[in-house]
């Protein structure tokens, strides 16, 4: 009986962890940016921030907005994200209290 409970518990806990792989491969083939690329991107963001946007036409503003969004997506580091539901977290805590 105890082995069945432990097996069911292990199966239940393994199903509560759902990894989500996020990643975008840049043009060089790897998903990480080196420090030179990051500095270059940050400098471009500073240039965009300094520009007088009131003198730009609407298509130019739209183009700049899209560029800023693509840069911000590129700067986010892709990685593995693990989501744990609230019920699973409470279950884990209760089981740790009981077993320890």
Protein backbone atom coordinates (compact mmCIF):
# COMPACT_ATOMS: atom_id res chain seq x y z
CA UNK A 1 0.00 0.00 0.00
CA UNK A 2 2.80 2.40 0.89
CA UNK A 3 4.67 1.66 -2.36
CA UNK A 4 1.56 2.38 -4.42
CA UNK A 5 1.04 5.67 -2.56
CA UNK A 6 4.65 6.70 -3.15
CA UNK A 7 4.46 5.76 -6.85
CA UNK A 8 1.21 7.70 -7.33
CA UNK A 9 2.71 10.63 -5.48
CA UNK A 10 5.80 10.59 -7.71
CA UNK A 11 3.66 10.45 -10.85
CA UNK A 12 1.45 13.28 -9.62
CA UNK A 13 4.40 15.49 -8.76
CA UNK A 14 6.12 14.81 -12.07
CA UNK A 15 2.99 15.91 -13.92
CA UNK A 16 2.73 19.20 -12.02
CA UNK A 17 6.02 20.53 -13.36
CA UNK A 18 5.46 21.76 -16.89
CA UNK A 19 8.61 23.14 -18.52
CA UNK A 20 8.17 25.58 -21.35
CA UNK A 21 11.06 26.06 -23.69
CA UNK A 22 11.35 29.55 -25.10
CA UNK A 23 14.03 30.49 -27.49
CA UNK A 24 14.74 32.34 -30.65
CA UNK A 25 17.84 31.71 -32.67
CA UNK A 26 19.43 34.89 -33.96
CA UNK A 27 21.11 35.21 -37.33
CA UNK A 28 24.47 33.92 -36.08
CA UNK A 29 22.94 30.55 -35.17
CA UNK A 30 23.15 30.68 -31.38
CA UNK A 31 20.58 32.01 -28.95
CA UNK A 32 22.90 34.05 -26.73
CA UNK A 33 24.20 37.54 -27.32
CA UNK A 34 27.76 38.48 -26.56
CA UNK A 35 28.63 41.70 -24.75
CA UNK A 36 29.51 43.59 -27.94
CA UNK A 37 26.09 42.87 -29.48
CA UNK A 38 24.32 43.90 -26.27
CA UNK A 39 26.24 47.20 -26.11
CA UNK A 40 25.43 47.86 -29.76
CA UNK A 41 21.73 47.20 -29.20
CA UNK A 42 21.62 49.34 -26.05
CA UNK A 43 23.34 52.20 -27.91
CA UNK A 44 20.72 51.94 -30.66
CA UNK A 45 17.95 52.14 -28.03
CA UNK A 46 19.59 55.27 -26.59
CA UNK A 47 19.71 56.81 -30.08
CA UNK A 48 16.03 56.09 -30.57
CA UNK A 49 15.23 57.57 -27.17
CA UNK A 50 17.11 60.79 -27.99
CA UNK A 51 15.50 61.37 -31.40
CA UNK A 52 12.84 64.08 -31.70
CA UNK A 53 9.78 61.96 -32.32
CA UNK A 54 7.46 64.96 -32.80
CA UNK A 55 9.17 65.76 -36.11
CA UNK A 56 8.76 62.22 -37.49
CA UNK A 57 5.97 61.13 -39.78
CA UNK A 58 3.54 58.43 -38.61
CA UNK A 59 5.13 55.66 -40.75
CA UNK A 60 8.56 56.53 -39.34
CA UNK A 61 7.18 56.44 -35.79
CA UNK A 62 5.62 53.07 -36.49
CA UNK A 63 8.90 51.76 -37.88
CA UNK A 64 10.78 52.96 -34.77
CA UNK A 65 8.18 51.40 -32.47
CA UNK A 66 8.50 48.06 -34.25
CA UNK A 67 12.29 48.27 -34.02
CA UNK A 68 12.16 48.94 -30.28
CA UNK A 69 9.81 45.99 -29.76
CA UNK A 70 12.06 43.65 -31.76
CA UNK A 71 15.12 44.84 -29.82
CA UNK A 72 13.41 44.29 -26.48
CA UNK A 73 12.38 40.76 -27.51
CA UNK A 74 15.92 40.05 -28.61
CA UNK A 75 17.40 41.25 -25.33
CA UNK A 76 15.21 38.96 -23.25
CA UNK A 77 17.23 35.87 -22.51
CA UNK A 78 15.44 32.68 -23.53
CA UNK A 79 15.43 29.86 -21.03
CA UNK A 80 13.41 27.18 -19.39
CA UNK A 81 10.43 28.26 -17.35
CA UNK A 82 8.79 25.93 -14.86
CA UNK A 83 5.21 26.61 -13.80
CA UNK A 84 3.87 25.10 -10.58
CA UNK A 85 0.18 25.44 -9.83
CA UNK A 86 -0.98 26.64 -6.43
CA UNK A 87 -2.59 23.32 -5.55
CA UNK A 88 0.56 21.42 -6.44
CA UNK A 89 2.63 23.78 -4.31
CA UNK A 90 0.35 23.29 -1.31
CA UNK A 91 0.45 19.52 -1.86
CA UNK A 92 4.25 19.53 -1.94
CA UNK A 93 4.46 21.59 1.25
CA UNK A 94 1.97 19.32 3.08
CA UNK A 95 3.81 16.20 1.97
CA UNK A 96 7.14 17.64 3.10
CA UNK A 97 5.65 18.46 6.50
CA UNK A 98 4.20 14.96 6.83
CA UNK A 99 7.30 13.12 5.66
CA UNK A 100 9.79 15.24 7.58
